[in-house]
């Protein structure tokens, strides 16, 4: 992936992390039906994807070739 795609993916994953965190932090409503989506787990997955995209972004900026032996 090039730099532009990685930046857009990192920004998208960060947006999803914030959105899922907000959805998971909403107060419980006892009379409403139960929430069926595990928002905090989704937030964790989006956060891991954000970190992976940022690591890839740093590797692109540094010009890493993918080999750690040199």
PDB file of N, CA and C in Angstrom:
ATOM      1  N   UNK A   1       0.843  -1.174   0.000  1.00  0.00           N
ATOM      2  CA  UNK A   1       0.000   0.000   0.000  1.00  0.00           C
ATOM      3  C   UNK A   1       0.887   1.235   0.000  1.00  0.00           C
ATOM      4  N   UNK A   2       0.406   2.265  -0.618  1.00  0.00           N
ATOM      5  CA  UNK A   2       1.175   3.496  -0.616  1.00  0.00           C
ATOM      6  C   UNK A   2       0.776   4.385   0.559  1.00  0.00           C
ATOM      7  N   UNK A   3       1.408   5.533   0.636  1.00  0.00           N
ATOM      8  CA  UNK A   3       1.243   6.418   1.780  1.00  0.00           C
ATOM      9  C   UNK A   3      -0.183   6.949   1.897  1.00  0.00           C
ATOM     10  N   UNK A   4      -0.790   7.317   0.784  1.00  0.00           N
ATOM     11  CA  UNK A   4      -2.136   7.896   0.816  1.00  0.00           C
ATOM     12  C   UNK A   4      -3.170   6.894   1.315  1.00  0.00           C
ATOM     13  N   UNK A   5      -3.107   5.688   0.811  1.00  0.00           N
ATOM     14  CA  UNK A   5      -4.056   4.651   1.232  1.00  0.00           C
ATOM     15  C   UNK A   5      -3.886   4.344   2.709  1.00  0.00           C
ATOM     16  N   UNK A   6      -2.645   4.281   3.166  1.00  0.00           N
ATOM     17  CA  UNK A   6      -2.385   3.998   4.575  1.00  0.00           C
ATOM     18  C   UNK A   6      -2.905   5.116   5.471  1.00  0.00           C
ATOM     19  N   UNK A   7      -2.738   6.363   5.049  1.00  0.00           N
ATOM     20  CA  UNK A   7      -3.267   7.483   5.832  1.00  0.00           C
ATOM     21  C   UNK A   7      -4.784   7.427   5.923  1.00  0.00           C
ATOM     22  N   UNK A   8      -5.451   7.146   4.809  1.00  0.00           N
ATOM     23  CA  UNK A   8      -6.904   7.063   4.822  1.00  0.00           C
ATOM     24  C   UNK A   8      -7.393   5.893   5.679  1.00  0.00           C
ATOM     25  N   UNK A   9      -6.715   4.765   5.600  1.00  0.00           N
ATOM     26  CA  UNK A   9      -7.106   3.622   6.428  1.00  0.00           C
ATOM     27  C   UNK A   9      -6.895   3.912   7.913  1.00  0.00           C
ATOM     28  N   UNK A  10      -5.779   4.537   8.255  1.00  0.00           N
ATOM     29  CA  UNK A  10      -5.522   4.872   9.659  1.00  0.00           C
ATOM     30  C   UNK A  10      -6.578   5.847  10.182  1.00  0.00           C
ATOM     31  N   UNK A  11      -6.924   6.843   9.363  1.00  0.00           N
ATOM     32  CA  UNK A  11      -7.952   7.802   9.780  1.00  0.00           C
ATOM     33  C   UNK A  11      -9.317   7.121   9.901  1.00  0.00           C
ATOM     34  N   UNK A  12      -9.627   6.215   8.990  1.00  0.00           N
ATOM     35  CA  UNK A  12     -10.902   5.498   9.058  1.00  0.00           C
ATOM     36  C   UNK A  12     -10.991   4.589  10.269  1.00  0.00           C
ATOM     37  N   UNK A  13      -9.917   3.870  10.549  1.00  0.00           N
ATOM     38  CA  UNK A  13      -9.915   2.995  11.723  1.00  0.00           C
ATOM     39  C   UNK A  13      -9.977   3.800  13.017  1.00  0.00           C
ATOM     40  N   UNK A  14      -9.309   4.956  13.049  1.00  0.00           N
ATOM     41  CA  UNK A  14      -9.382   5.800  14.231  1.00  0.00           C
ATOM     42  C   UNK A  14     -10.805   6.320  14.430  1.00  0.00           C
ATOM     43  N   UNK A  15     -11.458   6.691  13.338  1.00  0.00           N
ATOM     44  CA  UNK A  15     -12.850   7.139  13.417  1.00  0.00           C
ATOM     45  C   UNK A  15     -13.755   6.019  13.936  1.00  0.00           C
ATOM     46  N   UNK A  16     -13.543   4.806  13.441  1.00  0.00           N
ATOM     47  CA  UNK A  16     -14.331   3.673  13.923  1.00  0.00           C
ATOM     48  C   UNK A  16     -14.067   3.391  15.393  1.00  0.00           C
ATOM     49  N   UNK A  17     -12.812   3.535  15.830  1.00  0.00           N
ATOM     50  CA  UNK A  17     -12.488   3.327  17.233  1.00  0.00           C
ATOM     51  C   UNK A  17     -13.255   4.294  18.117  1.00  0.00           C
ATOM     52  N   UNK A  18     -13.273   5.561  17.725  1.00  0.00           N
ATOM     53  CA  UNK A  18     -13.988   6.570  18.511  1.00  0.00           C
ATOM     54  C   UNK A  18     -15.493   6.300  18.482  1.00  0.00           C
ATOM     55  N   UNK A  19     -16.027   5.975  17.324  1.00  0.00           N
ATOM     56  CA  UNK A  19     -17.464   5.694  17.204  1.00  0.00           C
ATOM     57  C   UNK A  19     -17.870   4.497  18.051  1.00  0.00           C
ATOM     58  N   UNK A  20     -17.116   3.413  17.958  1.00  0.00           N
ATOM     59  CA  UNK A  20     -17.452   2.217  18.730  1.00  0.00           C
ATOM     60  C   UNK A  20     -17.279   2.458  20.228  1.00  0.00           C
ATOM     61  N   UNK A  21     -16.278   3.259  20.605  1.00  0.00           N
ATOM     62  CA  UNK A  21     -16.111   3.596  22.014  1.00  0.00           C
ATOM     63  C   UNK A  21     -17.296   4.398  22.527  1.00  0.00           C
ATOM     64  N   UNK A  22     -17.788   5.314  21.710  1.00  0.00           N
ATOM     65  CA  UNK A  22     -18.961   6.107  22.099  1.00  0.00           C
ATOM     66  C   UNK A  22     -20.202   5.217  22.207  1.00  0.00           C
ATOM     67  N   UNK A  23     -20.363   4.303  21.257  1.00  0.00           N
ATOM     68  CA  UNK A  23     -21.521   3.403  21.287  1.00  0.00           C
ATOM     69  C   UNK A  23     -21.470   2.494  22.516  1.00  0.00           C
ATOM     70  N   UNK A  24     -20.280   2.042  22.899  1.00  0.00           N
ATOM     71  CA  UNK A  24     -20.156   1.154  24.042  1.00  0.00           C
ATOM     72  C   UNK A  24     -20.281   1.861  25.375  1.00  0.00           C
ATOM     73  N   UNK A  25     -20.076   3.182  25.390  1.00  0.00           N
ATOM     74  CA  UNK A  25     -20.112   3.922  26.650  1.00  0.00           C
ATOM     75  C   UNK A  25     -21.477   4.544  26.933  1.00  0.00           C
ATOM     76  N   UNK A  26     -22.431   4.324  26.069  1.00  0.00           N
ATOM     77  CA  UNK A  26     -23.761   4.877  26.320  1.00  0.00           C
ATOM     78  C   UNK A  26     -24.368   4.228  27.550  1.00  0.00           C
ATOM     79  N   UNK A  27     -25.158   4.978  28.307  1.00  0.00           N
ATOM     80  CA  UNK A  27     -25.756   4.395  29.517  1.00  0.00           C
ATOM     81  C   UNK A  27     -26.792   3.324  29.172  1.00  0.00           C
ATOM     82  N   UNK A  28     -26.936   2.399  30.076  1.00  0.00           N
ATOM     83  CA  UNK A  28     -27.900   1.314  29.881  1.00  0.00           C
ATOM     84  C   UNK A  28     -29.327   1.844  30.003  1.00  0.00           C
ATOM     85  N   UNK A  29     -30.201   1.298  29.190  1.00  0.00           N
ATOM     86  CA  UNK A  29     -31.628   1.644  29.258  1.00  0.00           C
ATOM     87  C   UNK A  29     -32.379   0.361  29.619  1.00  0.00           C
ATOM     88  N   UNK A  30     -32.836   0.228  30.842  1.00  0.00           N
ATOM     89  CA  UNK A  30     -33.431  -1.030  31.294  1.00  0.00           C
ATOM     90  C   UNK A  30     -34.694  -1.428  30.538  1.00  0.00           C
ATOM     91  N   UNK A  31     -35.471  -0.481  30.055  1.00  0.00           N
ATOM     92  CA  UNK A  31     -36.723  -0.816  29.386  1.00  0.00           C
ATOM     93  C   UNK A  31     -36.558  -1.077  27.890  1.00  0.00           C
ATOM     94  N   UNK A  32     -35.421  -0.749  27.352  1.00  0.00           N
ATOM     95  CA  UNK A  32     -35.168  -0.974  25.925  1.00  0.00           C
ATOM     96  C   UNK A  32     -34.697  -2.415  25.717  1.00  0.00           C
ATOM     97  N   UNK A  33     -34.819  -2.896  24.494  1.00  0.00           N
ATOM     98  CA  UNK A  33     -34.280  -4.240  24.235  1.00  0.00           C
ATOM     99  C   UNK A  33     -32.758  -4.250  24.412  1.00  0.00           C
ATOM    100  N   UNK A  34     -32.186  -5.390  24.699  1.00  0.00           N
ATOM    101  CA  UNK A  34     -30.735  -5.445  24.949  1.00  0.00           C
ATOM    102  C   UNK A  34     -29.943  -5.132  23.683  1.00  0.00           C
ATOM    103  N   UNK A  35     -28.785  -4.542  23.884  1.00  0.00           N
ATOM    104  CA  UNK A  35     -27.884  -4.281  22.761  1.00  0.00           C
ATOM    105  C   UNK A  35     -27.248  -5.597  22.338  1.00  0.00           C
ATOM    106  N   UNK A  36     -27.311  -5.867  21.078  1.00  0.00           N
ATOM    107  CA  UNK A  36     -26.799  -7.150  20.603  1.00  0.00           C
ATOM    108  C   UNK A  36     -25.395  -7.050  19.993  1.00  0.00           C
ATOM    109  N   UNK A  37     -24.893  -5.850  19.816  1.00  0.00           N
ATOM    110  CA  UNK A  37     -23.556  -5.681  19.242  1.00  0.00           C
ATOM    111  C   UNK A  37     -22.540  -5.479  20.370  1.00  0.00           C
ATOM    112  N   UNK A  38     -21.449  -6.216  20.344  1.00  0.00           N
ATOM    113  CA  UNK A  38     -20.412  -6.041  21.370  1.00  0.00           C
ATOM    114  C   UNK A  38     -19.528  -4.839  21.020  1.00  0.00           C
ATOM    115  N   UNK A  39     -19.988  -3.636  21.327  1.00  0.00           N
ATOM    116  CA  UNK A  39     -19.313  -2.412  20.881  1.00  0.00           C
ATOM    117  C   UNK A  39     -17.897  -2.289  21.416  1.00  0.00           C
ATOM    118  N   UNK A  40     -17.651  -2.711  22.635  1.00  0.00           N
ATOM    119  CA  UNK A  40     -16.300  -2.579  23.189  1.00  0.00           C
ATOM    120  C   UNK A  40     -15.321  -3.527  22.504  1.00  0.00           C
ATOM    121  N   UNK A  41     -15.796  -4.690  22.120  1.00  0.00           N
ATOM    122  CA  UNK A  41     -14.940  -5.604  21.359  1.00  0.00           C
ATOM    123  C   UNK A  41     -14.644  -5.031  19.980  1.00  0.00           C
ATOM    124  N   UNK A  42     -15.653  -4.442  19.335  1.00  0.00           N
ATOM    125  CA  UNK A  42     -15.438  -3.786  18.047  1.00  0.00           C
ATOM    126  C   UNK A  42     -14.442  -2.639  18.184  1.00  0.00           C
ATOM    127  N   UNK A  43     -14.533  -1.898  19.300  1.00  0.00           N
ATOM    128  CA  UNK A  43     -13.602  -0.812  19.554  1.00  0.00           C
ATOM    129  C   UNK A  43     -12.179  -1.356  19.671  1.00  0.00           C
ATOM    130  N   UNK A  44     -12.018  -2.458  20.365  1.00  0.00           N
ATOM    131  CA  UNK A  44     -10.705  -3.071  20.508  1.00  0.00           C
ATOM    132  C   UNK A  44     -10.143  -3.511  19.164  1.00  0.00           C
ATOM    133  N   UNK A  45     -10.969  -4.128  18.338  1.00  0.00           N
ATOM    134  CA  UNK A  45     -10.511  -4.554  17.013  1.00  0.00           C
ATOM    135  C   UNK A  45     -10.118  -3.357  16.146  1.00  0.00           C
ATOM    136  N   UNK A  46     -10.921  -2.298  16.176  1.00  0.00           N
ATOM    137  CA  UNK A  46     -10.603  -1.110  15.392  1.00  0.00           C
ATOM    138  C   UNK A  46      -9.328  -0.446  15.903  1.00  0.00           C
ATOM    139  N   UNK A  47      -9.114  -0.477  17.226  1.00  0.00           N
ATOM    140  CA  UNK A  47      -7.895   0.096  17.790  1.00  0.00           C
ATOM    141  C   UNK A  47      -6.663  -0.687  17.348  1.00  0.00           C
ATOM    142  N   UNK A  48      -6.758  -2.004  17.335  1.00  0.00           N
ATOM    143  CA  UNK A  48      -5.636  -2.834  16.878  1.00  0.00           C
ATOM    144  C   UNK A  48      -5.349  -2.558  15.405  1.00  0.00           C
ATOM    145  N   UNK A  49      -6.395  -2.400  14.602  1.00  0.00           N
ATOM    146  CA  UNK A  49      -6.205  -2.076  13.189  1.00  0.00           C
ATOM    147  C   UNK A  49      -5.587  -0.686  13.028  1.00  0.00           C
ATOM    148  N   UNK A  50      -5.960   0.257  13.896  1.00  0.00           N
ATOM    149  CA  UNK A  50      -5.367   1.597  13.853  1.00  0.00           C
ATOM    150  C   UNK A  50      -3.879   1.533  14.163  1.00  0.00           C
ATOM    151  N   UNK A  51      -3.519   0.776  15.180  1.00  0.00           N
ATOM    152  CA  UNK A  51      -2.102   0.638  15.535  1.00  0.00           C
ATOM    153  C   UNK A  51      -1.323  -0.019  14.399  1.00  0.00           C
ATOM    154  N   UNK A  52      -1.899  -1.048  13.779  1.00  0.00           N
ATOM    155  CA  UNK A  52      -1.226  -1.716  12.663  1.00  0.00           C
ATOM    156  C   UNK A  52      -1.034  -0.749  11.492  1.00  0.00           C
ATOM    157  N   UNK A  53      -2.038   0.067  11.208  1.00  0.00           N
ATOM    158  CA  UNK A  53      -1.915   1.042  10.125  1.00  0.00           C
ATOM    159  C   UNK A  53      -0.862   2.096  10.455  1.00  0.00           C
ATOM    160  N   UNK A  54      -0.791   2.515  11.719  1.00  0.00           N
ATOM    161  CA  UNK A  54       0.221   3.498  12.099  1.00  0.00           C
ATOM    162  C   UNK A  54       1.631   2.911  12.030  1.00  0.00           C
ATOM    163  N   UNK A  55       1.790   1.656  12.412  1.00  0.00           N
ATOM    164  CA  UNK A  55       3.100   1.001  12.295  1.00  0.00           C
ATOM    165  C   UNK A  55       3.500   0.905  10.828  1.00  0.00           C
ATOM    166  N   UNK A  56       2.544   0.561   9.979  1.00  0.00           N
ATOM    167  CA  UNK A  56       2.823   0.500   8.544  1.00  0.00           C
ATOM    168  C   UNK A  56       3.164   1.887   8.005  1.00  0.00           C
ATOM    169  N   UNK A  57       2.495   2.906   8.506  1.00  0.00           N
ATOM    170  CA  UNK A  57       2.772   4.279   8.084  1.00  0.00           C
ATOM    171  C   UNK A  57       4.187   4.698   8.475  1.00  0.00           C
ATOM    172  N   UNK A  58       4.607   4.358   9.679  1.00  0.00           N
ATOM    173  CA  UNK A  58       5.964   4.677  10.123  1.00  0.00           C
ATOM    174  C   UNK A  58       6.984   3.940   9.269  1.00  0.00           C
ATOM    175  N   UNK A  59       6.695   2.694   8.930  1.00  0.00           N
ATOM    176  CA  UNK A  59       7.614   1.941   8.071  1.00  0.00           C
ATOM    177  C   UNK A  59       7.696   2.562   6.685  1.00  0.00           C
ATOM    178  N   UNK A  60       6.584   3.066   6.171  1.00  0.00           N
ATOM    179  CA  UNK A  60       6.617   3.724   4.862  1.00  0.00           C
ATOM    180  C   UNK A  60       7.414   5.014   4.912  1.00  0.00           C
ATOM    181  N   UNK A  61       7.239   5.788   5.969  1.00  0.00           N
ATOM    182  CA  UNK A  61       7.941   7.066   6.077  1.00  0.00           C
ATOM    183  C   UNK A  61       9.441   6.849   6.258  1.00  0.00           C
ATOM    184  N   UNK A  62       9.805   5.852   7.030  1.00  0.00           N
ATOM    185  CA  UNK A  62      11.220   5.567   7.259  1.00  0.00           C
ATOM    186  C   UNK A  62      11.871   4.905   6.066  1.00  0.00           C
ATOM    187  N   UNK A  63      11.073   4.325   5.186  1.00  0.00           N
ATOM    188  CA  UNK A  63      11.629   3.643   4.028  1.00  0.00           C
ATOM    189  C   UNK A  63      12.136   2.271   4.344  1.00  0.00           C
ATOM    190  N   UNK A  64      11.503   1.620   5.286  1.00  0.00           N
ATOM    191  CA  UNK A  64      11.920   0.273   5.669  1.00  0.00           C
ATOM    192  C   UNK A  64      11.667  -0.703   4.530  1.00  0.00           C
ATOM    193  N   UNK A  65      12.562  -1.626   4.344  1.00  0.00           N
ATOM    194  CA  UNK A  65      12.433  -2.590   3.258  1.00  0.00           C
ATOM    195  C   UNK A  65      11.723  -3.862   3.689  1.00  0.00           C
ATOM    196  N   UNK A  66      11.455  -4.005   4.979  1.00  0.00           N
ATOM    197  CA  UNK A  66      10.778  -5.192   5.467  1.00  0.00           C
ATOM    198  C   UNK A  66      11.710  -6.194   6.097  1.00  0.00           C
ATOM    199  N   UNK A  67      13.005  -6.003   5.933  1.00  0.00           N
ATOM    200  CA  UNK A  67      13.973  -6.905   6.515  1.00  0.00           C
ATOM    201  C   UNK A  67      14.567  -6.279   7.773  1.00  0.00           C
ATOM    202  N   UNK A  68      14.557  -7.025   8.864  1.00  0.00           N
ATOM    203  CA  UNK A  68      15.105  -6.502  10.114  1.00  0.00           C
ATOM    204  C   UNK A  68      16.507  -7.051  10.379  1.00  0.00           C
ATOM    205  N   UNK A  69      17.108  -7.731   9.418  1.00  0.00           N
ATOM    206  CA  UNK A  69      18.411  -8.337   9.618  1.00  0.00           C
ATOM    207  C   UNK A  69      19.561  -7.385   9.343  1.00  0.00           C
ATOM    208  N   UNK A  70      19.308  -6.289   8.692  1.00  0.00           N
ATOM    209  CA  UNK A  70      20.410  -5.391   8.338  1.00  0.00           C
ATOM    210  C   UNK A  70      20.694  -4.358   9.391  1.00  0.00           C
TER     211      UNK A  70
END
